[in-house]
Amino acid sequence: MMKCGRIINVRFLFFSQTLWRRTVLTELEEKVRKEVGNVVDPETGLTFGQMNMITSVKETEPGVVQIEFVPSSPFCPIAFKLAMDVKNAAAKVEGVKRAIVHCRGHTMEEAINKMVNK
């Protein structure tokens, strides 16, 4: 029987803007990354963490977090739902006053981001 390793989202590798990223997260960023990493993609049954779909979590000001994710497909039919799931998961974290979610690499990312963050 062959064991599978960690699933790699190759789209993340393509859309990642830099290889040199800040590696030390604030306590709030760590909590948010953990919580949104547990969001399940209903098309695959896997979590965002397992699929490496979360590309960044940044605390832009106290209590305000910005989360970027890349859906598994540029044509993902449920990208808006996934973005809302990420936003709702982040909002549940103690200390988060506002969550801003950006979908990257989707054909309708501009419209999705506008609707999710209004």
N, C-alpha and C. Protein backbone atom coordinates (compact mmCIF):
# COMPACT_ATOMS: atom_id res chain seq x y z
N MET A 1 0.84 -1.17 0.00
CA MET A 1 0.00 0.00 0.00
C MET A 1 0.89 1.24 0.00
N MET A 2 0.58 2.18 -0.85
CA MET A 2 1.37 3.39 -0.98
C MET A 2 0.78 4.50 -0.11
N LYS A 3 1.61 5.19 0.63
CA LYS A 3 1.14 6.30 1.45
C LYS A 3 1.28 7.59 0.67
N CYS A 4 0.29 8.44 0.82
CA CYS A 4 0.34 9.75 0.18
C CYS A 4 0.88 10.77 1.17
N GLY A 5 1.66 11.67 0.68
CA GLY A 5 2.17 12.75 1.52
C GLY A 5 1.18 13.89 1.57
N ARG A 6 1.67 15.04 1.90
CA ARG A 6 0.84 16.24 1.99
C ARG A 6 0.40 16.67 0.60
N ILE A 7 -0.83 17.09 0.49
CA ILE A 7 -1.36 17.56 -0.79
C ILE A 7 -0.83 18.96 -1.04
N ILE A 8 -0.35 19.21 -2.24
CA ILE A 8 0.20 20.52 -2.59
C ILE A 8 -0.72 21.17 -3.62
N ASN A 9 -1.13 22.39 -3.33
CA ASN A 9 -1.93 23.16 -4.26
C ASN A 9 -0.96 23.84 -5.22
N VAL A 10 -0.81 23.29 -6.41
CA VAL A 10 0.16 23.85 -7.36
C VAL A 10 -0.23 25.24 -7.79
N ARG A 11 -1.51 25.57 -7.72
CA ARG A 11 -1.94 26.93 -8.06
C ARG A 11 -1.35 27.91 -7.06
N PHE A 12 -1.21 27.50 -5.79
CA PHE A 12 -0.58 28.37 -4.79
C PHE A 12 0.85 28.69 -5.21
N LEU A 13 1.56 27.68 -5.66
CA LEU A 13 2.95 27.89 -6.06
C LEU A 13 3.05 28.89 -7.20
N PHE A 14 2.08 28.85 -8.12
CA PHE A 14 2.09 29.75 -9.25
C PHE A 14 1.73 31.18 -8.83
N PHE A 15 0.73 31.31 -7.96
CA PHE A 15 0.24 32.64 -7.60
C PHE A 15 0.98 33.27 -6.43
N SER A 16 1.84 32.53 -5.76
CA SER A 16 2.61 33.10 -4.66
C SER A 16 3.50 34.20 -5.23
N GLN A 17 3.41 35.37 -4.66
CA GLN A 17 4.14 36.51 -5.22
C GLN A 17 5.61 36.53 -4.84
N THR A 18 5.96 35.89 -3.75
CA THR A 18 7.36 35.92 -3.34
C THR A 18 7.71 34.66 -2.57
N LEU A 19 8.95 34.26 -2.68
CA LEU A 19 9.41 33.11 -1.91
C LEU A 19 9.87 33.54 -0.53
N TRP A 20 10.23 34.80 -0.40
CA TRP A 20 10.69 35.32 0.89
C TRP A 20 9.52 36.00 1.58
N ARG A 21 8.84 35.26 2.44
CA ARG A 21 7.72 35.82 3.15
C ARG A 21 8.04 35.89 4.63
N ARG A 22 7.38 36.80 5.29
CA ARG A 22 7.53 36.90 6.74
C ARG A 22 7.11 35.57 7.36
N THR A 23 7.95 34.98 8.18
CA THR A 23 7.63 33.67 8.73
C THR A 23 7.13 33.73 10.16
N VAL A 24 7.31 34.85 10.84
CA VAL A 24 6.83 34.97 12.21
C VAL A 24 5.45 35.60 12.18
N LEU A 25 4.46 34.85 12.68
CA LEU A 25 3.09 35.34 12.71
C LEU A 25 2.77 35.89 14.08
N THR A 26 1.90 36.90 14.12
CA THR A 26 1.42 37.37 15.41
C THR A 26 0.52 36.28 15.99
N GLU A 27 0.22 36.39 17.26
CA GLU A 27 -0.65 35.41 17.92
C GLU A 27 -2.01 35.35 17.23
N LEU A 28 -2.55 36.51 16.89
CA LEU A 28 -3.85 36.55 16.22
C LEU A 28 -3.77 35.90 14.83
N GLU A 29 -2.70 36.18 14.09
CA GLU A 29 -2.53 35.58 12.77
C GLU A 29 -2.47 34.06 12.87
N GLU A 30 -1.77 33.55 13.87
CA GLU A 30 -1.69 32.10 14.06
C GLU A 30 -3.05 31.50 14.34
N LYS A 31 -3.82 32.15 15.21
CA LYS A 31 -5.16 31.65 15.54
C LYS A 31 -6.07 31.65 14.31
N VAL A 32 -6.00 32.73 13.54
CA VAL A 32 -6.84 32.84 12.33
C VAL A 32 -6.42 31.79 11.31
N ARG A 33 -5.12 31.64 11.08
CA ARG A 33 -4.64 30.65 10.11
C ARG A 33 -5.12 29.25 10.50
N LYS A 34 -5.05 28.94 11.77
CA LYS A 34 -5.50 27.62 12.24
C LYS A 34 -7.00 27.45 12.00
N GLU A 35 -7.78 28.47 12.33
CA GLU A 35 -9.24 28.37 12.19
C GLU A 35 -9.66 28.27 10.72
N VAL A 36 -9.12 29.13 9.86
CA VAL A 36 -9.51 29.08 8.45
C VAL A 36 -8.93 27.85 7.76
N GLY A 37 -7.85 27.32 8.30
CA GLY A 37 -7.29 26.08 7.76
C GLY A 37 -8.22 24.89 7.95
N ASN A 38 -9.17 25.01 8.88
CA ASN A 38 -10.14 23.94 9.13
C ASN A 38 -11.38 24.02 8.24
N VAL A 39 -11.50 25.09 7.44
CA VAL A 39 -12.64 25.21 6.51
C VAL A 39 -12.53 24.08 5.49
N VAL A 40 -13.65 23.41 5.24
CA VAL A 40 -13.66 22.25 4.34
C VAL A 40 -14.16 22.68 2.96
N ASP A 41 -13.44 22.26 1.93
CA ASP A 41 -13.88 22.43 0.55
C ASP A 41 -14.85 21.29 0.26
N PRO A 42 -16.16 21.58 0.10
CA PRO A 42 -17.13 20.51 -0.07
C PRO A 42 -16.94 19.70 -1.36
N GLU A 43 -16.25 20.26 -2.33
CA GLU A 43 -16.02 19.52 -3.58
C GLU A 43 -15.01 18.39 -3.38
N THR A 44 -14.07 18.58 -2.46
CA THR A 44 -13.02 17.57 -2.25
C THR A 44 -13.14 16.86 -0.91
N GLY A 45 -13.81 17.50 0.04
CA GLY A 45 -13.90 16.95 1.39
C GLY A 45 -12.64 17.19 2.21
N LEU A 46 -11.71 17.96 1.67
CA LEU A 46 -10.45 18.27 2.36
C LEU A 46 -10.49 19.69 2.91
N THR A 47 -9.68 19.93 3.94
CA THR A 47 -9.63 21.27 4.52
C THR A 47 -8.71 22.17 3.71
N PHE A 48 -8.88 23.47 3.92
CA PHE A 48 -8.00 24.43 3.27
C PHE A 48 -6.55 24.19 3.69
N GLY A 49 -6.36 23.81 4.93
CA GLY A 49 -5.02 23.52 5.43
C GLY A 49 -4.39 22.34 4.71
N GLN A 50 -5.17 21.28 4.51
CA GLN A 50 -4.66 20.09 3.82
C GLN A 50 -4.32 20.40 2.37
N MET A 51 -5.07 21.30 1.75
CA MET A 51 -4.86 21.62 0.34
C MET A 51 -3.96 22.83 0.12
N ASN A 52 -3.45 23.43 1.21
CA ASN A 52 -2.59 24.62 1.11
C ASN A 52 -3.25 25.74 0.32
N MET A 53 -4.51 26.00 0.58
CA MET A 53 -5.24 27.03 -0.15
C MET A 53 -5.09 28.42 0.46
N ILE A 54 -4.66 28.51 1.70
CA ILE A 54 -4.47 29.82 2.35
C ILE A 54 -3.06 30.30 2.01
N THR A 55 -2.97 31.41 1.28
CA THR A 55 -1.66 31.91 0.87
C THR A 55 -1.09 32.92 1.85
N SER A 56 -1.96 33.66 2.56
CA SER A 56 -1.43 34.58 3.56
C SER A 56 -2.51 34.97 4.56
N VAL A 57 -2.05 35.26 5.76
CA VAL A 57 -2.88 35.81 6.83
C VAL A 57 -2.05 36.93 7.44
N LYS A 58 -2.57 38.16 7.39
CA LYS A 58 -1.83 39.31 7.91
C LYS A 58 -2.74 40.13 8.81
N GLU A 59 -2.20 40.56 9.93
CA GLU A 59 -2.92 41.49 10.80
C GLU A 59 -2.49 42.89 10.35
N THR A 60 -3.36 43.58 9.63
CA THR A 60 -3.01 44.88 9.05
C THR A 60 -3.07 46.01 10.06
N GLU A 61 -3.92 45.86 11.06
CA GLU A 61 -3.99 46.76 12.20
C GLU A 61 -4.61 45.95 13.33
N PRO A 62 -4.54 46.42 14.56
CA PRO A 62 -5.04 45.61 15.67
C PRO A 62 -6.50 45.14 15.46
N GLY A 63 -6.67 43.83 15.43
CA GLY A 63 -8.00 43.24 15.28
C GLY A 63 -8.49 43.10 13.85
N VAL A 64 -7.73 43.60 12.89
CA VAL A 64 -8.13 43.50 11.47
C VAL A 64 -7.17 42.54 10.77
N VAL A 65 -7.74 41.47 10.21
CA VAL A 65 -6.92 40.49 9.52
C VAL A 65 -7.30 40.43 8.04
N GLN A 66 -6.30 40.25 7.22
CA GLN A 66 -6.49 40.10 5.78
C GLN A 66 -6.04 38.70 5.41
N ILE A 67 -6.94 37.96 4.76
CA ILE A 67 -6.67 36.57 4.41
C ILE A 67 -6.75 36.42 2.90
N GLU A 68 -5.77 35.77 2.31
CA GLU A 68 -5.79 35.47 0.88
C GLU A 68 -5.83 33.96 0.70
N PHE A 69 -6.64 33.53 -0.26
CA PHE A 69 -6.68 32.10 -0.58
C PHE A 69 -6.79 31.93 -2.07
N VAL A 70 -6.37 30.76 -2.53
CA VAL A 70 -6.45 30.40 -3.94
C VAL A 70 -7.35 29.17 -4.04
N PRO A 71 -8.49 29.28 -4.75
CA PRO A 71 -9.35 28.11 -4.90
C PRO A 71 -8.66 27.03 -5.73
N SER A 72 -9.19 25.83 -5.65
CA SER A 72 -8.55 24.70 -6.34
C SER A 72 -8.63 24.80 -7.86
N SER A 73 -9.50 25.67 -8.37
CA SER A 73 -9.65 25.84 -9.81
C SER A 73 -9.96 27.30 -10.11
N PRO A 74 -9.48 27.84 -11.23
CA PRO A 74 -9.82 29.23 -11.57
C PRO A 74 -11.29 29.39 -11.95
N PHE A 75 -11.98 28.27 -12.12
CA PHE A 75 -13.40 28.30 -12.47
C PHE A 75 -14.26 27.69 -11.37
N CYS A 76 -13.73 27.58 -10.17
CA CYS A 76 -14.42 26.95 -9.05
C CYS A 76 -15.82 27.57 -8.90
N PRO A 77 -16.88 26.75 -9.02
CA PRO A 77 -18.24 27.29 -8.97
C PRO A 77 -18.68 27.74 -7.58
N ILE A 78 -17.94 27.36 -6.55
CA ILE A 78 -18.34 27.74 -5.19
C ILE A 78 -17.32 28.66 -4.53
N ALA A 79 -16.57 29.39 -5.31
CA ALA A 79 -15.52 30.27 -4.76
C ALA A 79 -16.11 31.33 -3.83
N PHE A 80 -17.28 31.87 -4.17
CA PHE A 80 -17.91 32.87 -3.30
C PHE A 80 -18.26 32.24 -1.96
N LYS A 81 -18.84 31.04 -1.99
CA LYS A 81 -19.19 30.34 -0.75
C LYS A 81 -17.94 30.08 0.08
N LEU A 82 -16.87 29.64 -0.57
CA LEU A 82 -15.62 29.38 0.14
C LEU A 82 -15.08 30.66 0.79
N ALA A 83 -15.14 31.76 0.06
CA ALA A 83 -14.67 33.04 0.60
C ALA A 83 -15.49 33.44 1.82
N MET A 84 -16.81 33.24 1.76
CA MET A 84 -17.66 33.56 2.91
C MET A 84 -17.37 32.62 4.08
N ASP A 85 -17.11 31.35 3.79
CA ASP A 85 -16.76 30.39 4.84
C ASP A 85 -15.47 30.81 5.55
N VAL A 86 -14.49 31.27 4.77
CA VAL A 86 -13.22 31.74 5.34
C VAL A 86 -13.47 32.98 6.20
N LYS A 87 -14.26 33.91 5.68
CA LYS A 87 -14.56 35.14 6.43
C LYS A 87 -15.27 34.82 7.74
N ASN A 88 -16.26 33.94 7.69
CA ASN A 88 -17.00 33.57 8.90
C ASN A 88 -16.11 32.84 9.91
N ALA A 89 -15.23 31.97 9.42
CA ALA A 89 -14.32 31.26 10.32
C ALA A 89 -13.37 32.25 11.01
N ALA A 90 -12.85 33.20 10.25
CA ALA A 90 -11.93 34.19 10.82
C ALA A 90 -12.65 35.08 11.83
N ALA A 91 -13.89 35.44 11.53
CA ALA A 91 -14.66 36.32 12.42
C ALA A 91 -14.94 35.68 13.77
N LYS A 92 -14.92 34.35 13.84
CA LYS A 92 -15.17 33.63 15.10
C LYS A 92 -13.99 33.68 16.05
N VAL A 93 -12.83 34.00 15.54
CA VAL A 93 -11.61 33.99 16.36
C VAL A 93 -11.64 35.18 17.32
N GLU A 94 -11.39 34.89 18.58
CA GLU A 94 -11.37 35.95 19.59
C GLU A 94 -10.28 36.97 19.25
N GLY A 95 -10.67 38.23 19.25
CA GLY A 95 -9.73 39.30 18.95
C GLY A 95 -9.87 39.86 17.54
N VAL A 96 -10.62 39.16 16.69
CA VAL A 96 -10.83 39.65 15.32
C VAL A 96 -12.03 40.59 15.31
N LYS A 97 -11.77 41.84 14.92
CA LYS A 97 -12.84 42.83 14.80
C LYS A 97 -13.38 42.85 13.37
N ARG A 98 -12.47 42.60 12.42
CA ARG A 98 -12.86 42.62 11.01
C ARG A 98 -11.96 41.68 10.23
N ALA A 99 -12.59 40.91 9.34
CA ALA A 99 -11.83 40.00 8.47
C ALA A 99 -12.05 40.42 7.02
N ILE A 100 -10.96 40.59 6.31
CA ILE A 100 -11.00 40.93 4.89
C ILE A 100 -10.45 39.73 4.14
N VAL A 101 -11.24 39.22 3.20
CA VAL A 101 -10.86 38.01 2.47
C VAL A 101 -10.66 38.33 1.00
N HIS A 102 -9.55 37.86 0.46
CA HIS A 102 -9.27 38.03 -0.97
C HIS A 102 -9.08 36.67 -1.62
N CYS A 103 -9.90 36.42 -2.62
CA CYS A 103 -9.78 35.23 -3.46
C CYS A 103 -8.82 35.60 -4.58
N ARG A 104 -7.83 34.76 -4.84
CA ARG A 104 -6.85 35.03 -5.90
C ARG A 104 -6.87 33.90 -6.93
N GLY A 105 -6.64 34.25 -8.18
CA GLY A 105 -6.52 33.24 -9.22
C GLY A 105 -7.83 32.68 -9.73
N HIS A 106 -8.93 33.37 -9.48
CA HIS A 106 -10.25 32.93 -9.97
C HIS A 106 -10.68 33.88 -11.07
N THR A 107 -11.41 33.37 -12.04
CA THR A 107 -11.84 34.22 -13.15
C THR A 107 -12.75 35.36 -12.70
N MET A 108 -13.43 35.19 -11.57
CA MET A 108 -14.33 36.23 -11.07
C MET A 108 -13.85 36.80 -9.73
N GLU A 109 -12.56 36.78 -9.50
CA GLU A 109 -12.03 37.19 -8.20
C GLU A 109 -12.41 38.62 -7.83
N GLU A 110 -12.43 39.53 -8.78
CA GLU A 110 -12.76 40.92 -8.47
C GLU A 110 -14.18 41.04 -7.92
N ALA A 111 -15.13 40.39 -8.57
CA ALA A 111 -16.53 40.44 -8.12
C ALA A 111 -16.70 39.72 -6.79
N ILE A 112 -16.04 38.58 -6.63
CA ILE A 112 -16.12 37.82 -5.38
C ILE A 112 -15.59 38.66 -4.22
N ASN A 113 -14.41 39.26 -4.41
CA ASN A 113 -13.80 40.05 -3.35
C ASN A 113 -14.66 41.26 -2.98
N LYS A 114 -15.26 41.88 -3.98
CA LYS A 114 -16.12 43.04 -3.73
C LYS A 114 -17.34 42.64 -2.90
N MET A 115 -17.98 41.53 -3.26
CA MET A 115 -19.18 41.09 -2.55
C MET A 115 -18.86 40.62 -1.13
N VAL A 116 -17.79 39.89 -0.97
CA VAL A 116 -17.45 39.33 0.34
C VAL A 116 -17.06 40.43 1.33
N ASN A 117 -16.44 41.49 0.85
CA ASN A 117 -15.90 42.51 1.75
C ASN A 117 -16.70 43.80 1.81
N LYS A 118 -17.93 43.78 1.31
CA LYS A 118 -18.72 45.03 1.37
C LYS A 118 -19.30 45.26 2.74
